[in-house]
Amino acid sequence: MSDTAIDTSAAAIADWLTGRVAYYLDRPAAELRPDVKLVEYGLDSVYGMSIITEIEDRYDLELESTLAWDHPTIGAITAYLHGLVGQR
């Protein structure tokens, strides 16, 4: 997917990421808070890797497999990703 087709604002990244996490957790996105650790919601390493793969595909990035553990909340991942895509 091309960068021009994707909104890379922090709000758009957070909305998209929240939706993906909600999908994997089978929970409504409205229940997820940006400051709660993903492991507290029950996100396991398999789903964590799946989300990383989706992030890489969507934003055309190469990420470390430890992303969800290095940046353990939706808010932390959003800030990290926004910093990366903002450097382009």
N, C-alpha and C. Protein backbone atom coordinates (compact mmCIF):
# COMPACT_ATOMS: atom_id res chain seq x y z
N MET A 1 0.83 -1.17 0.00
CA MET A 1 0.00 0.00 0.00
C MET A 1 0.88 1.24 0.00
N SER A 2 0.54 2.23 -0.76
CA SER A 2 1.32 3.44 -0.89
C SER A 2 1.11 4.37 0.29
N ASP A 3 2.17 5.11 0.66
CA ASP A 3 2.09 6.04 1.78
C ASP A 3 1.01 7.09 1.55
N THR A 4 0.83 7.53 0.31
CA THR A 4 -0.13 8.59 0.04
C THR A 4 -1.56 8.14 0.27
N ALA A 5 -1.82 6.87 0.26
CA ALA A 5 -3.18 6.35 0.46
C ALA A 5 -3.51 6.15 1.93
N ILE A 6 -2.53 6.30 2.80
CA ILE A 6 -2.73 6.01 4.22
C ILE A 6 -2.48 7.28 5.04
N ASP A 7 -3.42 7.57 5.92
CA ASP A 7 -3.28 8.68 6.86
C ASP A 7 -2.29 8.23 7.93
N THR A 8 -1.18 8.94 8.06
CA THR A 8 -0.16 8.57 9.04
C THR A 8 -0.13 9.52 10.24
N SER A 9 -1.24 10.22 10.46
CA SER A 9 -1.32 11.05 11.67
C SER A 9 -1.35 10.12 12.88
N ALA A 10 -0.96 10.66 14.02
CA ALA A 10 -0.98 9.85 15.24
C ALA A 10 -2.38 9.33 15.54
N ALA A 11 -3.39 10.16 15.31
CA ALA A 11 -4.77 9.74 15.59
C ALA A 11 -5.18 8.59 14.67
N ALA A 12 -4.81 8.68 13.40
CA ALA A 12 -5.17 7.61 12.45
C ALA A 12 -4.45 6.31 12.78
N ILE A 13 -3.18 6.42 13.14
CA ILE A 13 -2.42 5.23 13.53
C ILE A 13 -3.06 4.60 14.77
N ALA A 14 -3.38 5.41 15.75
CA ALA A 14 -3.99 4.90 16.98
C ALA A 14 -5.33 4.23 16.70
N ASP A 15 -6.14 4.84 15.87
CA ASP A 15 -7.45 4.25 15.53
C ASP A 15 -7.28 2.91 14.83
N TRP A 16 -6.40 2.88 13.84
CA TRP A 16 -6.18 1.64 13.09
C TRP A 16 -5.63 0.55 14.03
N LEU A 17 -4.61 0.91 14.81
CA LEU A 17 -3.98 -0.06 15.71
C LEU A 17 -4.97 -0.57 16.75
N THR A 18 -5.76 0.31 17.30
CA THR A 18 -6.77 -0.10 18.28
C THR A 18 -7.74 -1.09 17.64
N GLY A 19 -8.13 -0.83 16.43
CA GLY A 19 -9.03 -1.75 15.72
C GLY A 19 -8.42 -3.11 15.50
N ARG A 20 -7.15 -3.14 15.16
CA ARG A 20 -6.47 -4.43 14.92
C ARG A 20 -6.31 -5.20 16.23
N VAL A 21 -5.92 -4.52 17.30
CA VAL A 21 -5.78 -5.17 18.60
C VAL A 21 -7.14 -5.71 19.04
N ALA A 22 -8.18 -4.91 18.89
CA ALA A 22 -9.53 -5.34 19.26
C ALA A 22 -9.93 -6.58 18.47
N TYR A 23 -9.59 -6.62 17.20
CA TYR A 23 -9.90 -7.79 16.37
C TYR A 23 -9.25 -9.05 16.94
N TYR A 24 -7.97 -8.96 17.24
CA TYR A 24 -7.26 -10.14 17.74
C TYR A 24 -7.72 -10.55 19.14
N LEU A 25 -8.15 -9.59 19.93
CA LEU A 25 -8.62 -9.89 21.28
C LEU A 25 -10.11 -10.23 21.29
N ASP A 26 -10.77 -10.04 20.16
CA ASP A 26 -12.22 -10.27 20.05
C ASP A 26 -12.97 -9.44 21.09
N ARG A 27 -12.61 -8.14 21.11
CA ARG A 27 -13.23 -7.19 22.04
C ARG A 27 -13.60 -5.93 21.27
N PRO A 28 -14.57 -5.18 21.75
CA PRO A 28 -14.88 -3.89 21.12
C PRO A 28 -13.71 -2.92 21.29
N ALA A 29 -13.38 -2.21 20.23
CA ALA A 29 -12.27 -1.25 20.28
C ALA A 29 -12.49 -0.20 21.37
N ALA A 30 -13.74 0.15 21.62
CA ALA A 30 -14.05 1.17 22.63
C ALA A 30 -13.62 0.75 24.04
N GLU A 31 -13.43 -0.55 24.26
CA GLU A 31 -13.01 -1.04 25.58
C GLU A 31 -11.50 -0.91 25.80
N LEU A 32 -10.75 -0.67 24.74
CA LEU A 32 -9.30 -0.64 24.85
C LEU A 32 -8.80 0.76 25.14
N ARG A 33 -7.91 0.86 26.13
CA ARG A 33 -7.31 2.14 26.49
C ARG A 33 -5.87 2.18 25.98
N PRO A 34 -5.42 3.35 25.56
CA PRO A 34 -4.07 3.46 25.00
C PRO A 34 -2.95 3.28 26.00
N ASP A 35 -3.26 3.34 27.31
CA ASP A 35 -2.21 3.27 28.32
C ASP A 35 -2.16 1.94 29.07
N VAL A 36 -2.97 0.98 28.66
CA VAL A 36 -2.98 -0.34 29.31
C VAL A 36 -2.07 -1.29 28.51
N LYS A 37 -1.24 -2.02 29.22
CA LYS A 37 -0.34 -2.96 28.55
C LYS A 37 -1.14 -4.03 27.82
N LEU A 38 -0.71 -4.31 26.61
CA LEU A 38 -1.42 -5.28 25.78
C LEU A 38 -1.49 -6.65 26.44
N VAL A 39 -0.46 -7.03 27.17
CA VAL A 39 -0.48 -8.33 27.85
C VAL A 39 -1.57 -8.37 28.92
N GLU A 40 -1.90 -7.21 29.49
CA GLU A 40 -2.98 -7.17 30.49
C GLU A 40 -4.34 -7.46 29.83
N TYR A 41 -4.44 -7.17 28.56
CA TYR A 41 -5.66 -7.51 27.82
C TYR A 41 -5.66 -8.96 27.35
N GLY A 42 -4.53 -9.62 27.48
CA GLY A 42 -4.44 -11.01 27.07
C GLY A 42 -3.83 -11.23 25.70
N LEU A 43 -3.20 -10.20 25.15
CA LEU A 43 -2.55 -10.36 23.84
C LEU A 43 -1.33 -11.25 24.01
N ASP A 44 -1.29 -12.34 23.27
CA ASP A 44 -0.16 -13.26 23.38
C ASP A 44 0.85 -13.01 22.27
N SER A 45 1.94 -13.76 22.31
CA SER A 45 3.04 -13.52 21.36
C SER A 45 2.64 -13.83 19.92
N VAL A 46 1.76 -14.79 19.71
CA VAL A 46 1.32 -15.11 18.35
C VAL A 46 0.55 -13.94 17.76
N TYR A 47 -0.39 -13.41 18.53
CA TYR A 47 -1.16 -12.25 18.05
C TYR A 47 -0.27 -11.02 17.95
N GLY A 48 0.67 -10.89 18.86
CA GLY A 48 1.62 -9.78 18.81
C GLY A 48 2.40 -9.79 17.51
N MET A 49 2.86 -10.96 17.11
CA MET A 49 3.60 -11.08 15.84
C MET A 49 2.69 -10.82 14.65
N SER A 50 1.45 -11.24 14.74
CA SER A 50 0.49 -10.99 13.65
C SER A 50 0.26 -9.50 13.47
N ILE A 51 0.13 -8.79 14.58
CA ILE A 51 -0.06 -7.34 14.51
C ILE A 51 1.18 -6.67 13.93
N ILE A 52 2.36 -7.11 14.34
CA ILE A 52 3.60 -6.55 13.80
C ILE A 52 3.63 -6.73 12.28
N THR A 53 3.26 -7.90 11.81
CA THR A 53 3.24 -8.17 10.37
C THR A 53 2.26 -7.23 9.67
N GLU A 54 1.10 -7.02 10.26
CA GLU A 54 0.12 -6.11 9.66
C GLU A 54 0.65 -4.68 9.64
N ILE A 55 1.31 -4.25 10.70
CA ILE A 55 1.89 -2.91 10.75
C ILE A 55 2.93 -2.76 9.65
N GLU A 56 3.81 -3.75 9.51
CA GLU A 56 4.85 -3.70 8.48
C GLU A 56 4.23 -3.57 7.09
N ASP A 57 3.19 -4.35 6.84
CA ASP A 57 2.54 -4.31 5.53
C ASP A 57 1.84 -2.97 5.30
N ARG A 58 1.14 -2.50 6.29
CA ARG A 58 0.37 -1.26 6.12
C ARG A 58 1.26 -0.04 5.94
N TYR A 59 2.31 0.05 6.74
CA TYR A 59 3.15 1.25 6.74
C TYR A 59 4.49 1.07 6.02
N ASP A 60 4.66 -0.08 5.37
CA ASP A 60 5.88 -0.37 4.63
C ASP A 60 7.13 -0.16 5.51
N LEU A 61 7.12 -0.86 6.64
CA LEU A 61 8.22 -0.77 7.60
C LEU A 61 8.80 -2.15 7.85
N GLU A 62 10.02 -2.17 8.37
CA GLU A 62 10.61 -3.39 8.92
C GLU A 62 10.76 -3.16 10.40
N LEU A 63 10.10 -3.99 11.19
CA LEU A 63 10.09 -3.80 12.64
C LEU A 63 10.73 -4.98 13.35
N GLU A 64 11.21 -4.71 14.55
CA GLU A 64 11.75 -5.77 15.40
C GLU A 64 10.59 -6.64 15.89
N SER A 65 10.86 -7.90 16.08
CA SER A 65 9.82 -8.82 16.56
C SER A 65 9.42 -8.52 18.00
N THR A 66 10.19 -7.70 18.68
CA THR A 66 9.91 -7.35 20.07
C THR A 66 9.12 -6.05 20.21
N LEU A 67 8.61 -5.52 19.13
CA LEU A 67 7.91 -4.23 19.15
C LEU A 67 6.87 -4.14 20.25
N ALA A 68 5.99 -5.13 20.34
CA ALA A 68 4.89 -5.09 21.31
C ALA A 68 5.38 -5.22 22.75
N TRP A 69 6.58 -5.68 22.94
CA TRP A 69 7.14 -5.80 24.29
C TRP A 69 8.00 -4.59 24.60
N ASP A 70 8.66 -4.04 23.60
CA ASP A 70 9.45 -2.82 23.79
C ASP A 70 8.54 -1.60 23.97
N HIS A 71 7.39 -1.64 23.34
CA HIS A 71 6.38 -0.56 23.39
C HIS A 71 5.06 -1.25 23.75
N PRO A 72 4.83 -1.48 25.05
CA PRO A 72 3.79 -2.42 25.48
C PRO A 72 2.34 -1.94 25.46
N THR A 73 2.10 -0.71 25.05
CA THR A 73 0.73 -0.21 25.01
C THR A 73 0.38 0.30 23.62
N ILE A 74 -0.89 0.45 23.36
CA ILE A 74 -1.31 1.02 22.07
C ILE A 74 -0.74 2.43 21.92
N GLY A 75 -0.75 3.19 23.00
CA GLY A 75 -0.21 4.54 22.96
C GLY A 75 1.28 4.57 22.65
N ALA A 76 2.04 3.66 23.27
CA ALA A 76 3.48 3.61 23.04
C ALA A 76 3.80 3.16 21.62
N ILE A 77 3.07 2.19 21.11
CA ILE A 77 3.30 1.73 19.74
C ILE A 77 2.93 2.84 18.76
N THR A 78 1.83 3.52 19.03
CA THR A 78 1.41 4.63 18.17
C THR A 78 2.48 5.70 18.09
N ALA A 79 3.01 6.10 19.24
CA ALA A 79 4.04 7.14 19.26
C ALA A 79 5.28 6.69 18.49
N TYR A 80 5.67 5.45 18.69
CA TYR A 80 6.83 4.90 18.00
C TYR A 80 6.62 4.90 16.48
N LEU A 81 5.46 4.38 16.05
CA LEU A 81 5.16 4.31 14.62
C LEU A 81 5.04 5.70 14.01
N HIS A 82 4.40 6.61 14.72
CA HIS A 82 4.26 7.96 14.20
C HIS A 82 5.63 8.60 14.01
N GLY A 83 6.54 8.32 14.93
CA GLY A 83 7.92 8.83 14.77
C GLY A 83 8.60 8.25 13.55
N LEU A 84 8.38 6.97 13.29
CA LEU A 84 9.00 6.31 12.13
C LEU A 84 8.44 6.82 10.81
N VAL A 85 7.13 6.87 10.71
CA VAL A 85 6.53 7.29 9.43
C VAL A 85 6.69 8.79 9.21
N GLY A 86 6.85 9.53 10.29
CA GLY A 86 7.08 10.97 10.17
C GLY A 86 8.46 11.32 9.66
N GLN A 87 9.40 10.36 9.72
CA GLN A 87 10.77 10.58 9.25
C GLN A 87 10.89 10.46 7.74
N ARG A 88 9.84 10.04 7.09
CA ARG A 88 9.90 9.84 5.63
C ARG A 88 9.73 11.14 4.89
